């Protein structure tokens, strides 16, 4: 078939064949499929951890063992997620200065 008179795609789109379906997906920690393990030393600490888990809807196995040191590293990493850093926009040259002097930005703090 001539390329001059054909309307549409000559070759079928093959994107799904190249990438395929990801069978080995990453499972998020703290869910039903991948619960985290937390070791505490007392019953009071266990109830404290369980309230944190219920507030943040995290699934975990909490084990009380006074012989082992407390291990809450996985829980701490889930609770202390890094936050995105936002920067204030610098004003344009002719806008009032952010320091409050009343001058234009180009004549005051630039």
PDB file of N, CA and C in Angstrom:
ATOM      1  N   UNK A   1       0.835  -1.169   0.000  1.00  0.00           N
ATOM      2  CA  UNK A   1       0.000   0.000   0.000  1.00  0.00           C
ATOM      3  C   UNK A   1       0.883   1.236   0.000  1.00  0.00           C
ATOM      4  N   UNK A   2       0.520   2.208  -0.735  1.00  0.00           N
ATOM      5  CA  UNK A   2       1.305   3.415  -0.868  1.00  0.00           C
ATOM      6  C   UNK A   2       1.180   4.281   0.381  1.00  0.00           C
ATOM      7  N   UNK A   3       2.263   4.924   0.756  1.00  0.00           N
ATOM      8  CA  UNK A   3       2.265   5.782   1.930  1.00  0.00           C
ATOM      9  C   UNK A   3       1.528   7.091   1.657  1.00  0.00           C
ATOM     10  N   UNK A   4       1.342   7.458   0.409  1.00  0.00           N
ATOM     11  CA  UNK A   4       0.717   8.727   0.080  1.00  0.00           C
ATOM     12  C   UNK A   4      -0.780   8.736   0.346  1.00  0.00           C
ATOM     13  N   UNK A   5      -1.444   7.595   0.189  1.00  0.00           N
ATOM     14  CA  UNK A   5      -2.896   7.586   0.273  1.00  0.00           C
ATOM     15  C   UNK A   5      -3.420   6.903   1.528  1.00  0.00           C
ATOM     16  N   UNK A   6      -2.534   6.433   2.409  1.00  0.00           N
ATOM     17  CA  UNK A   6      -2.975   5.715   3.607  1.00  0.00           C
ATOM     18  C   UNK A   6      -3.213   6.697   4.739  1.00  0.00           C
ATOM     19  N   UNK A   7      -4.400   6.680   5.308  1.00  0.00           N
ATOM     20  CA  UNK A   7      -4.715   7.540   6.444  1.00  0.00           C
ATOM     21  C   UNK A   7      -4.704   6.680   7.712  1.00  0.00           C
ATOM     22  N   UNK A   8      -3.885   7.067   8.655  1.00  0.00           N
ATOM     23  CA  UNK A   8      -3.805   6.316   9.894  1.00  0.00           C
ATOM     24  C   UNK A   8      -2.413   5.752  10.086  1.00  0.00           C
ATOM     25  N   UNK A   9      -2.260   4.891  11.078  1.00  0.00           N
ATOM     26  CA  UNK A   9      -0.962   4.307  11.378  1.00  0.00           C
ATOM     27  C   UNK A   9      -0.665   3.148  10.445  1.00  0.00           C
ATOM     28  N   UNK A  10       0.531   3.134   9.903  1.00  0.00           N
ATOM     29  CA  UNK A  10       0.941   2.025   9.056  1.00  0.00           C
ATOM     30  C   UNK A  10       1.270   0.818   9.930  1.00  0.00           C
ATOM     31  N   UNK A  11       2.038   1.042  10.981  1.00  0.00           N
ATOM     32  CA  UNK A  11       2.378  -0.029  11.912  1.00  0.00           C
ATOM     33  C   UNK A  11       1.501   0.109  13.148  1.00  0.00           C
ATOM     34  N   UNK A  12       1.021  -1.002  13.654  1.00  0.00           N
ATOM     35  CA  UNK A  12       0.222  -0.970  14.874  1.00  0.00           C
ATOM     36  C   UNK A  12       1.110  -0.532  16.042  1.00  0.00           C
ATOM     37  N   UNK A  13       0.541   0.159  16.962  1.00  0.00           N
ATOM     38  CA  UNK A  13       1.303   0.627  18.109  1.00  0.00           C
ATOM     39  C   UNK A  13       1.682  -0.572  18.987  1.00  0.00           C
ATOM     40  N   UNK A  14       2.951  -0.658  19.328  1.00  0.00           N
ATOM     41  CA  UNK A  14       3.460  -1.820  20.043  1.00  0.00           C
ATOM     42  C   UNK A  14       3.951  -1.478  21.446  1.00  0.00           C
ATOM     43  N   UNK A  15       3.423  -0.430  22.044  1.00  0.00           N
ATOM     44  CA  UNK A  15       3.917  -0.024  23.360  1.00  0.00           C
ATOM     45  C   UNK A  15       3.692  -1.098  24.417  1.00  0.00           C
ATOM     46  N   UNK A  16       2.534  -1.723  24.403  1.00  0.00           N
ATOM     47  CA  UNK A  16       2.249  -2.711  25.431  1.00  0.00           C
ATOM     48  C   UNK A  16       3.089  -3.968  25.269  1.00  0.00           C
ATOM     49  N   UNK A  17       3.534  -4.247  24.079  1.00  0.00           N
ATOM     50  CA  UNK A  17       4.355  -5.427  23.845  1.00  0.00           C
ATOM     51  C   UNK A  17       5.783  -5.189  24.341  1.00  0.00           C
ATOM     52  N   UNK A  18       6.283  -3.965  24.186  1.00  0.00           N
ATOM     53  CA  UNK A  18       7.647  -3.655  24.588  1.00  0.00           C
ATOM     54  C   UNK A  18       7.771  -3.629  26.110  1.00  0.00           C
ATOM     55  N   UNK A  19       6.876  -2.882  26.776  1.00  0.00           N
ATOM     56  CA  UNK A  19       7.006  -2.731  28.225  1.00  0.00           C
ATOM     57  C   UNK A  19       6.460  -3.931  28.970  1.00  0.00           C
ATOM     58  N   UNK A  20       5.316  -4.449  28.571  1.00  0.00           N
ATOM     59  CA  UNK A  20       4.736  -5.604  29.231  1.00  0.00           C
ATOM     60  C   UNK A  20       4.100  -5.250  30.555  1.00  0.00           C
ATOM     61  N   UNK A  21       3.722  -6.260  31.303  1.00  0.00           N
ATOM     62  CA  UNK A  21       3.086  -6.098  32.600  1.00  0.00           C
ATOM     63  C   UNK A  21       4.103  -6.421  33.671  1.00  0.00           C
ATOM     64  N   UNK A  22       4.213  -5.561  34.674  1.00  0.00           N
ATOM     65  CA  UNK A  22       5.192  -5.746  35.729  1.00  0.00           C
ATOM     66  C   UNK A  22       4.665  -6.749  36.749  1.00  0.00           C
ATOM     67  N   UNK A  23       5.164  -7.971  36.684  1.00  0.00           N
ATOM     68  CA  UNK A  23       4.718  -9.022  37.585  1.00  0.00           C
ATOM     69  C   UNK A  23       5.372  -8.862  38.955  1.00  0.00           C
ATOM     70  N   UNK A  24       6.618  -8.432  38.994  1.00  0.00           N
ATOM     71  CA  UNK A  24       7.362  -8.303  40.239  1.00  0.00           C
ATOM     72  C   UNK A  24       7.275  -6.879  40.768  1.00  0.00           C
ATOM     73  N   UNK A  25       6.079  -6.469  41.164  1.00  0.00           N
ATOM     74  CA  UNK A  25       5.898  -5.111  41.654  1.00  0.00           C
ATOM     75  C   UNK A  25       6.377  -5.011  43.089  1.00  0.00           C
ATOM     76  N   UNK A  26       6.725  -3.785  43.499  1.00  0.00           N
ATOM     77  CA  UNK A  26       7.155  -3.546  44.873  1.00  0.00           C
ATOM     78  C   UNK A  26       5.926  -3.439  45.766  1.00  0.00           C
ATOM     79  N   UNK A  27       5.972  -4.120  46.887  1.00  0.00           N
ATOM     80  CA  UNK A  27       4.866  -4.084  47.831  1.00  0.00           C
ATOM     81  C   UNK A  27       5.207  -3.077  48.924  1.00  0.00           C
ATOM     82  N   UNK A  28       4.279  -2.194  49.220  1.00  0.00           N
ATOM     83  CA  UNK A  28       4.513  -1.158  50.219  1.00  0.00           C
ATOM     84  C   UNK A  28       4.530  -1.786  51.609  1.00  0.00           C
ATOM     85  N   UNK A  29       5.539  -1.410  52.389  1.00  0.00           N
ATOM     86  CA  UNK A  29       5.654  -1.924  53.752  1.00  0.00           C
ATOM     87  C   UNK A  29       4.554  -1.330  54.622  1.00  0.00           C
ATOM     88  N   UNK A  30       4.045  -2.134  55.546  1.00  0.00           N
ATOM     89  CA  UNK A  30       3.006  -1.676  56.452  1.00  0.00           C
ATOM     90  C   UNK A  30       1.607  -1.944  55.950  1.00  0.00           C
ATOM     91  N   UNK A  31       1.461  -2.778  54.921  1.00  0.00           N
ATOM     92  CA  UNK A  31       0.148  -3.150  54.407  1.00  0.00           C
ATOM     93  C   UNK A  31      -0.142  -4.592  54.798  1.00  0.00           C
ATOM     94  N   UNK A  32      -1.313  -5.073  54.399  1.00  0.00           N
ATOM     95  CA  UNK A  32      -1.680  -6.455  54.711  1.00  0.00           C
ATOM     96  C   UNK A  32      -0.742  -7.448  54.034  1.00  0.00           C
ATOM     97  N   UNK A  33      -0.261  -7.096  52.847  1.00  0.00           N
ATOM     98  CA  UNK A  33       0.632  -8.000  52.114  1.00  0.00           C
ATOM     99  C   UNK A  33       2.035  -8.021  52.690  1.00  0.00           C
ATOM    100  N   UNK A  34       2.483  -6.915  53.286  1.00  0.00           N
ATOM    101  CA  UNK A  34       3.839  -6.825  53.842  1.00  0.00           C
ATOM    102  C   UNK A  34       3.817  -6.086  55.175  1.00  0.00           C
ATOM    103  N   UNK A  35       3.354  -6.748  56.241  1.00  0.00           N
ATOM    104  CA  UNK A  35       3.349  -6.063  57.541  1.00  0.00           C
ATOM    105  C   UNK A  35       4.761  -5.905  58.086  1.00  0.00           C
ATOM    106  N   UNK A  36       4.959  -4.870  58.891  1.00  0.00           N
ATOM    107  CA  UNK A  36       6.280  -4.636  59.480  1.00  0.00           C
ATOM    108  C   UNK A  36       6.364  -5.349  60.826  1.00  0.00           C
ATOM    109  N   UNK A  37       7.576  -5.590  61.301  1.00  0.00           N
ATOM    110  CA  UNK A  37       7.800  -6.256  62.576  1.00  0.00           C
ATOM    111  C   UNK A  37       8.353  -5.250  63.574  1.00  0.00           C
ATOM    112  N   UNK A  38       7.714  -5.198  64.756  1.00  0.00           N
ATOM    113  CA  UNK A  38       8.125  -4.272  65.803  1.00  0.00           C
ATOM    114  C   UNK A  38       8.319  -5.075  67.080  1.00  0.00           C
ATOM    115  N   UNK A  39       9.465  -4.878  67.739  1.00  0.00           N
ATOM    116  CA  UNK A  39       9.759  -5.552  69.001  1.00  0.00           C
ATOM    117  C   UNK A  39       9.799  -4.498  70.100  1.00  0.00           C
ATOM    118  N   UNK A  40       8.986  -4.716  71.156  1.00  0.00           N
ATOM    119  CA  UNK A  40       8.958  -3.809  72.298  1.00  0.00           C
ATOM    120  C   UNK A  40       9.215  -4.603  73.572  1.00  0.00           C
ATOM    121  N   UNK A  41       9.455  -3.877  74.666  1.00  0.00           N
ATOM    122  CA  UNK A  41       9.823  -4.572  75.902  1.00  0.00           C
ATOM    123  C   UNK A  41       8.700  -4.638  76.933  1.00  0.00           C
ATOM    124  N   UNK A  42       7.694  -3.761  76.866  1.00  0.00           N
ATOM    125  CA  UNK A  42       6.633  -3.764  77.879  1.00  0.00           C
ATOM    126  C   UNK A  42       5.257  -3.712  77.227  1.00  0.00           C
ATOM    127  N   UNK A  43       4.223  -4.042  78.044  1.00  0.00           N
ATOM    128  CA  UNK A  43       2.840  -3.972  77.556  1.00  0.00           C
ATOM    129  C   UNK A  43       2.402  -2.531  77.317  1.00  0.00           C
ATOM    130  N   UNK A  44       2.878  -1.614  78.144  1.00  0.00           N
ATOM    131  CA  UNK A  44       2.500  -0.207  77.978  1.00  0.00           C
ATOM    132  C   UNK A  44       3.024   0.331  76.653  1.00  0.00           C
ATOM    133  N   UNK A  45       4.237  -0.036  76.320  1.00  0.00           N
ATOM    134  CA  UNK A  45       4.818   0.401  75.043  1.00  0.00           C
ATOM    135  C   UNK A  45       4.076  -0.240  73.872  1.00  0.00           C
ATOM    136  N   UNK A  46       3.604  -1.472  74.055  1.00  0.00           N
ATOM    137  CA  UNK A  46       2.853  -2.152  72.995  1.00  0.00           C
ATOM    138  C   UNK A  46       1.548  -1.419  72.706  1.00  0.00           C
ATOM    139  N   UNK A  47       0.832  -1.004  73.745  1.00  0.00           N
ATOM    140  CA  UNK A  47      -0.421  -0.275  73.525  1.00  0.00           C
ATOM    141  C   UNK A  47      -0.153   1.083  72.873  1.00  0.00           C
ATOM    142  N   UNK A  48       0.965   1.712  73.233  1.00  0.00           N
ATOM    143  CA  UNK A  48       1.336   2.991  72.622  1.00  0.00           C
ATOM    144  C   UNK A  48       1.622   2.817  71.129  1.00  0.00           C
ATOM    145  N   UNK A  49       2.347   1.756  70.804  1.00  0.00           N
ATOM    146  CA  UNK A  49       2.669   1.477  69.394  1.00  0.00           C
ATOM    147  C   UNK A  49       1.395   1.134  68.621  1.00  0.00           C
ATOM    148  N   UNK A  50       0.496   0.366  69.227  1.00  0.00           N
ATOM    149  CA  UNK A  50      -0.741  -0.016  68.538  1.00  0.00           C
ATOM    150  C   UNK A  50      -1.635   1.185  68.267  1.00  0.00           C
ATOM    151  N   UNK A  51      -1.644   2.181  69.155  1.00  0.00           N
ATOM    152  CA  UNK A  51      -2.420   3.385  68.868  1.00  0.00           C
ATOM    153  C   UNK A  51      -1.811   4.167  67.708  1.00  0.00           C
ATOM    154  N   UNK A  52      -0.469   4.214  67.646  1.00  0.00           N
ATOM    155  CA  UNK A  52       0.194   4.860  66.498  1.00  0.00           C
ATOM    156  C   UNK A  52      -0.142   4.142  65.198  1.00  0.00           C
ATOM    157  N   UNK A  53      -0.152   2.821  65.251  1.00  0.00           N
ATOM    158  CA  UNK A  53      -0.453   2.036  64.055  1.00  0.00           C
ATOM    159  C   UNK A  53      -1.880   2.268  63.581  1.00  0.00           C
ATOM    160  N   UNK A  54      -2.818   2.332  64.528  1.00  0.00           N
ATOM    161  CA  UNK A  54      -4.213   2.540  64.129  1.00  0.00           C
ATOM    162  C   UNK A  54      -4.442   3.959  63.603  1.00  0.00           C
ATOM    163  N   UNK A  55      -3.740   4.957  64.147  1.00  0.00           N
ATOM    164  CA  UNK A  55      -3.879   6.331  63.660  1.00  0.00           C
ATOM    165  C   UNK A  55      -3.397   6.471  62.227  1.00  0.00           C
ATOM    166  N   UNK A  56      -2.300   5.798  61.902  1.00  0.00           N
ATOM    167  CA  UNK A  56      -1.702   5.935  60.575  1.00  0.00           C
ATOM    168  C   UNK A  56      -2.069   4.795  59.643  1.00  0.00           C
ATOM    169  N   UNK A  57      -2.980   3.918  60.066  1.00  0.00           N
ATOM    170  CA  UNK A  57      -3.450   2.751  59.307  1.00  0.00           C
ATOM    171  C   UNK A  57      -2.282   1.933  58.738  1.00  0.00           C
ATOM    172  N   UNK A  58      -1.414   1.524  59.650  1.00  0.00           N
ATOM    173  CA  UNK A  58      -0.264   0.691  59.320  1.00  0.00           C
ATOM    174  C   UNK A  58      -0.478  -0.685  59.930  1.00  0.00           C
ATOM    175  N   UNK A  59      -0.147  -1.726  59.184  1.00  0.00           N
ATOM    176  CA  UNK A  59      -0.281  -3.090  59.675  1.00  0.00           C
ATOM    177  C   UNK A  59       1.086  -3.555  60.152  1.00  0.00           C
ATOM    178  N   UNK A  60       1.133  -4.101  61.384  1.00  0.00           N
ATOM    179  CA  UNK A  60       2.406  -4.539  61.943  1.00  0.00           C
ATOM    180  C   UNK A  60       2.185  -5.682  62.916  1.00  0.00           C
ATOM    181  N   UNK A  61       3.225  -6.478  63.100  1.00  0.00           N
ATOM    182  CA  UNK A  61       3.253  -7.516  64.116  1.00  0.00           C
ATOM    183  C   UNK A  61       4.052  -6.966  65.291  1.00  0.00           C
ATOM    184  N   UNK A  62       3.393  -6.758  66.420  1.00  0.00           N
ATOM    185  CA  UNK A  62       4.058  -6.222  67.602  1.00  0.00           C
ATOM    186  C   UNK A  62       4.346  -7.380  68.542  1.00  0.00           C
ATOM    187  N   UNK A  63       5.627  -7.563  68.897  1.00  0.00           N
ATOM    188  CA  UNK A  63       6.062  -8.656  69.757  1.00  0.00           C
ATOM    189  C   UNK A  63       6.652  -8.059  71.034  1.00  0.00           C
ATOM    190  N   UNK A  64       6.242  -8.620  72.176  1.00  0.00           N
ATOM    191  CA  UNK A  64       6.800  -8.182  73.459  1.00  0.00           C
ATOM    192  C   UNK A  64       7.910  -9.155  73.836  1.00  0.00           C
ATOM    193  N   UNK A  65       9.116  -8.611  73.995  1.00  0.00           N
ATOM    194  CA  UNK A  65      10.267  -9.435  74.394  1.00  0.00           C
ATOM    195  C   UNK A  65      11.212  -8.547  75.192  1.00  0.00           C
ATOM    196  N   UNK A  66      11.277  -8.821  76.491  1.00  0.00           N
ATOM    197  CA  UNK A  66      12.110  -7.986  77.357  1.00  0.00           C
ATOM    198  C   UNK A  66      13.593  -8.312  77.227  1.00  0.00           C
ATOM    199  N   UNK A  67      13.925  -9.462  76.642  1.00  0.00           N
ATOM    200  CA  UNK A  67      15.334  -9.859  76.500  1.00  0.00           C
ATOM    201  C   UNK A  67      16.003  -9.153  75.320  1.00  0.00           C
ATOM    202  N   UNK A  68      15.244  -8.836  74.292  1.00  0.00           N
ATOM    203  CA  UNK A  68      15.802  -8.184  73.110  1.00  0.00           C
ATOM    204  C   UNK A  68      15.659  -6.660  73.237  1.00  0.00           C
ATOM    205  N   UNK A  69      16.549  -5.918  72.597  1.00  0.00           N
ATOM    206  CA  UNK A  69      16.380  -4.451  72.604  1.00  0.00           C
ATOM    207  C   UNK A  69      15.188  -4.047  71.745  1.00  0.00           C
ATOM    208  N   UNK A  70      14.640  -2.885  72.044  1.00  0.00           N
ATOM    209  CA  UNK A  70      13.468  -2.407  71.308  1.00  0.00           C
ATOM    210  C   UNK A  70      13.846  -2.104  69.863  1.00  0.00           C
ATOM    211  N   UNK A  71      13.043  -2.610  68.931  1.00  0.00           N
ATOM    212  CA  UNK A  71      13.325  -2.452  67.506  1.00  0.00           C
ATOM    213  C   UNK A  71      12.099  -1.834  66.834  1.00  0.00           C
ATOM    214  N   UNK A  72      12.132  -0.513  66.640  1.00  0.00           N
ATOM    215  CA  UNK A  72      11.032   0.192  65.972  1.00  0.00           C
ATOM    216  C   UNK A  72      11.544   0.955  64.754  1.00  0.00           C
ATOM    217  N   UNK A  73      12.603   0.458  64.149  1.00  0.00           N
ATOM    218  CA  UNK A  73      13.225   1.161  63.015  1.00  0.00           C
ATOM    219  C   UNK A  73      12.281   1.219  61.824  1.00  0.00           C
ATOM    220  N   UNK A  74      11.619   0.104  61.514  1.00  0.00           N
ATOM    221  CA  UNK A  74      10.707   0.077  60.362  1.00  0.00           C
ATOM    222  C   UNK A  74       9.535   1.032  60.572  1.00  0.00           C
ATOM    223  N   UNK A  75       9.034   1.084  61.796  1.00  0.00           N
ATOM    224  CA  UNK A  75       7.924   1.987  62.103  1.00  0.00           C
ATOM    225  C   UNK A  75       8.370   3.440  61.998  1.00  0.00           C
ATOM    226  N   UNK A  76       9.557   3.746  62.491  1.00  0.00           N
ATOM    227  CA  UNK A  76      10.069   5.116  62.426  1.00  0.00           C
ATOM    228  C   UNK A  76      10.260   5.578  60.983  1.00  0.00           C
ATOM    229  N   UNK A  77      10.716   4.693  60.113  1.00  0.00           N
ATOM    230  CA  UNK A  77      10.919   5.086  58.720  1.00  0.00           C
ATOM    231  C   UNK A  77       9.586   5.350  58.020  1.00  0.00           C
ATOM    232  N   UNK A  78       8.534   4.613  58.389  1.00  0.00           N
ATOM    233  CA  UNK A  78       7.230   4.860  57.780  1.00  0.00           C
ATOM    234  C   UNK A  78       6.595   6.147  58.294  1.00  0.00           C
ATOM    235  N   UNK A  79       6.819   6.457  59.567  1.00  0.00           N
ATOM    236  CA  UNK A  79       6.201   7.654  60.142  1.00  0.00           C
ATOM    237  C   UNK A  79       6.945   8.934  59.781  1.00  0.00           C
ATOM    238  N   UNK A  80       8.255   8.874  59.600  1.00  0.00           N
ATOM    239  CA  UNK A  80       9.066  10.067  59.319  1.00  0.00           C
ATOM    240  C   UNK A  80       9.422  10.142  57.845  1.00  0.00           C
ATOM    241  N   UNK A  81       8.423  10.323  57.008  1.00  0.00           N
ATOM    242  CA  UNK A  81       8.666  10.449  55.578  1.00  0.00           C
ATOM    243  C   UNK A  81       9.241  11.831  55.287  1.00  0.00           C
ATOM    244  N   UNK A  82      10.175  11.922  54.349  1.00  0.00           N
ATOM    245  CA  UNK A  82      10.714  13.246  54.019  1.00  0.00           C
ATOM    246  C   UNK A  82       9.651  14.096  53.331  1.00  0.00           C
ATOM    247  N   UNK A  83       9.631  15.370  53.682  1.00  0.00           N
ATOM    248  CA  UNK A  83       8.659  16.291  53.104  1.00  0.00           C
ATOM    249  C   UNK A  83       9.316  17.088  51.986  1.00  0.00           C
ATOM    250  N   UNK A  84       8.509  17.482  51.020  1.00  0.00           N
ATOM    251  CA  UNK A  84       9.040  18.256  49.906  1.00  0.00           C
ATOM    252  C   UNK A  84       9.395  19.655  50.377  1.00  0.00           C
ATOM    253  N   UNK A  85      10.470  20.171  49.852  1.00  0.00           N
ATOM    254  CA  UNK A  85      10.950  21.494  50.219  1.00  0.00           C
ATOM    255  C   UNK A  85      10.388  22.500  49.221  1.00  0.00           C
ATOM    256  N   UNK A  86       9.742  23.532  49.751  1.00  0.00           N
ATOM    257  CA  UNK A  86       9.216  24.582  48.883  1.00  0.00           C
ATOM    258  C   UNK A  86       9.980  25.866  49.170  1.00  0.00           C
ATOM    259  N   UNK A  87      10.277  26.579  48.130  1.00  0.00           N
ATOM    260  CA  UNK A  87      11.011  27.833  48.234  1.00  0.00           C
ATOM    261  C   UNK A  87      10.092  28.985  47.890  1.00  0.00           C
ATOM    262  N   UNK A  88      10.277  30.105  48.580  1.00  0.00           N
ATOM    263  CA  UNK A  88       9.506  31.303  48.262  1.00  0.00           C
ATOM    264  C   UNK A  88      10.006  31.890  46.954  1.00  0.00           C
ATOM    265  N   UNK A  89       9.078  32.365  46.166  1.00  0.00           N
ATOM    266  CA  UNK A  89       9.423  32.947  44.881  1.00  0.00           C
ATOM    267  C   UNK A  89      10.055  34.319  45.112  1.00  0.00           C
ATOM    268  N   UNK A  90      11.166  34.571  44.454  1.00  0.00           N
ATOM    269  CA  UNK A  90      11.769  35.898  44.555  1.00  0.00           C
ATOM    270  C   UNK A  90      10.927  36.870  43.734  1.00  0.00           C
ATOM    271  N   UNK A  91      10.691  38.059  44.255  1.00  0.00           N
ATOM    272  CA  UNK A  91       9.843  39.004  43.526  1.00  0.00           C
ATOM    273  C   UNK A  91      10.532  39.502  42.251  1.00  0.00           C
ATOM    274  N   UNK A  92       9.712  39.984  41.322  1.00  0.00           N
ATOM    275  CA  UNK A  92      10.254  40.585  40.104  1.00  0.00           C
ATOM    276  C   UNK A  92      10.937  41.904  40.467  1.00  0.00           C
ATOM    277  N   UNK A  93      11.676  42.451  39.536  1.00  0.00           N
ATOM    278  CA  UNK A  93      12.488  43.646  39.822  1.00  0.00           C
ATOM    279  C   UNK A  93      11.638  44.844  40.210  1.00  0.00           C
ATOM    280  N   UNK A  94      10.456  44.998  39.602  1.00  0.00           N
ATOM    281  CA  UNK A  94       9.656  46.193  39.847  1.00  0.00           C
ATOM    282  C   UNK A  94       8.602  46.020  40.930  1.00  0.00           C
ATOM    283  N   UNK A  95       8.532  44.857  41.548  1.00  0.00           N
ATOM    284  CA  UNK A  95       7.577  44.640  42.633  1.00  0.00           C
ATOM    285  C   UNK A  95       8.127  45.212  43.930  1.00  0.00           C
ATOM    286  N   UNK A  96       7.258  45.497  44.907  1.00  0.00           N
ATOM    287  CA  UNK A  96       7.753  46.000  46.189  1.00  0.00           C
ATOM    288  C   UNK A  96       8.642  44.963  46.870  1.00  0.00           C
ATOM    289  N   UNK A  97       9.596  45.447  47.635  1.00  0.00           N
ATOM    290  CA  UNK A  97      10.565  44.565  48.283  1.00  0.00           C
ATOM    291  C   UNK A  97       9.899  43.777  49.404  1.00  0.00           C
ATOM    292  N   UNK A  98      10.379  42.558  49.625  1.00  0.00           N
ATOM    293  CA  UNK A  98       9.785  41.696  50.644  1.00  0.00           C
ATOM    294  C   UNK A  98      10.216  42.087  52.054  1.00  0.00           C
ATOM    295  N   UNK A  99      11.228  42.942  52.185  1.00  0.00           N
ATOM    296  CA  UNK A  99      11.681  43.342  53.515  1.00  0.00           C
ATOM    297  C   UNK A  99      10.759  44.392  54.135  1.00  0.00           C
ATOM    298  N   UNK A 100       9.883  44.989  53.333  1.00  0.00           N
ATOM    299  CA  UNK A 100       8.913  45.936  53.863  1.00  0.00           C
ATOM    300  C   UNK A 100       9.366  47.384  53.831  1.00  0.00           C
ATOM    301  N   UNK A 101      10.414  47.693  53.087  1.00  0.00           N
ATOM    302  CA  UNK A 101      10.918  49.059  53.061  1.00  0.00           C
ATOM    303  C   UNK A 101      10.063  49.975  52.188  1.00  0.00           C
ATOM    304  N   UNK A 102       9.292  49.396  51.262  1.00  0.00           N
ATOM    305  CA  UNK A 102       8.471  50.199  50.366  1.00  0.00           C
ATOM    306  C   UNK A 102       9.154  50.506  49.051  1.00  0.00           C
ATOM    307  N   UNK A 103      10.445  50.224  48.944  1.00  0.00           N
ATOM    308  CA  UNK A 103      11.170  50.454  47.700  1.00  0.00           C
ATOM    309  C   UNK A 103      10.939  49.291  46.748  1.00  0.00           C
ATOM    310  N   UNK A 104      11.319  49.515  45.491  1.00  0.00           N
ATOM    311  CA  UNK A 104      11.284  48.415  44.529  1.00  0.00           C
ATOM    312  C   UNK A 104      12.375  47.414  44.879  1.00  0.00           C
ATOM    313  N   UNK A 105      12.138  46.177  44.509  1.00  0.00           N
ATOM    314  CA  UNK A 105      13.088  45.111  44.833  1.00  0.00           C
ATOM    315  C   UNK A 105      14.452  45.360  44.201  1.00  0.00           C
ATOM    316  N   UNK A 106      14.468  45.940  42.985  1.00  0.00           N
ATOM    317  CA  UNK A 106      15.736  46.152  42.285  1.00  0.00           C
ATOM    318  C   UNK A 106      16.598  47.213  42.954  1.00  0.00           C
ATOM    319  N   UNK A 107      15.982  48.140  43.719  1.00  0.00           N
ATOM    320  CA  UNK A 107      16.755  49.197  44.373  1.00  0.00           C
ATOM    321  C   UNK A 107      17.044  48.910  45.834  1.00  0.00           C
ATOM    322  N   UNK A 108      16.429  47.862  46.382  1.00  0.00           N
ATOM    323  CA  UNK A 108      16.580  47.608  47.813  1.00  0.00           C
ATOM    324  C   UNK A 108      17.447  46.367  48.070  1.00  0.00           C
ATOM    325  N   UNK A 109      16.945  45.210  47.799  1.00  0.00           N
ATOM    326  CA  UNK A 109      17.619  43.968  48.209  1.00  0.00           C
ATOM    327  C   UNK A 109      18.216  43.160  47.058  1.00  0.00           C
ATOM    328  N   UNK A 110      18.157  43.636  45.861  1.00  0.00           N
ATOM    329  CA  UNK A 110      18.643  42.846  44.722  1.00  0.00           C
ATOM    330  C   UNK A 110      20.141  42.796  44.640  1.00  0.00           C
TER     331      UNK A 110
END
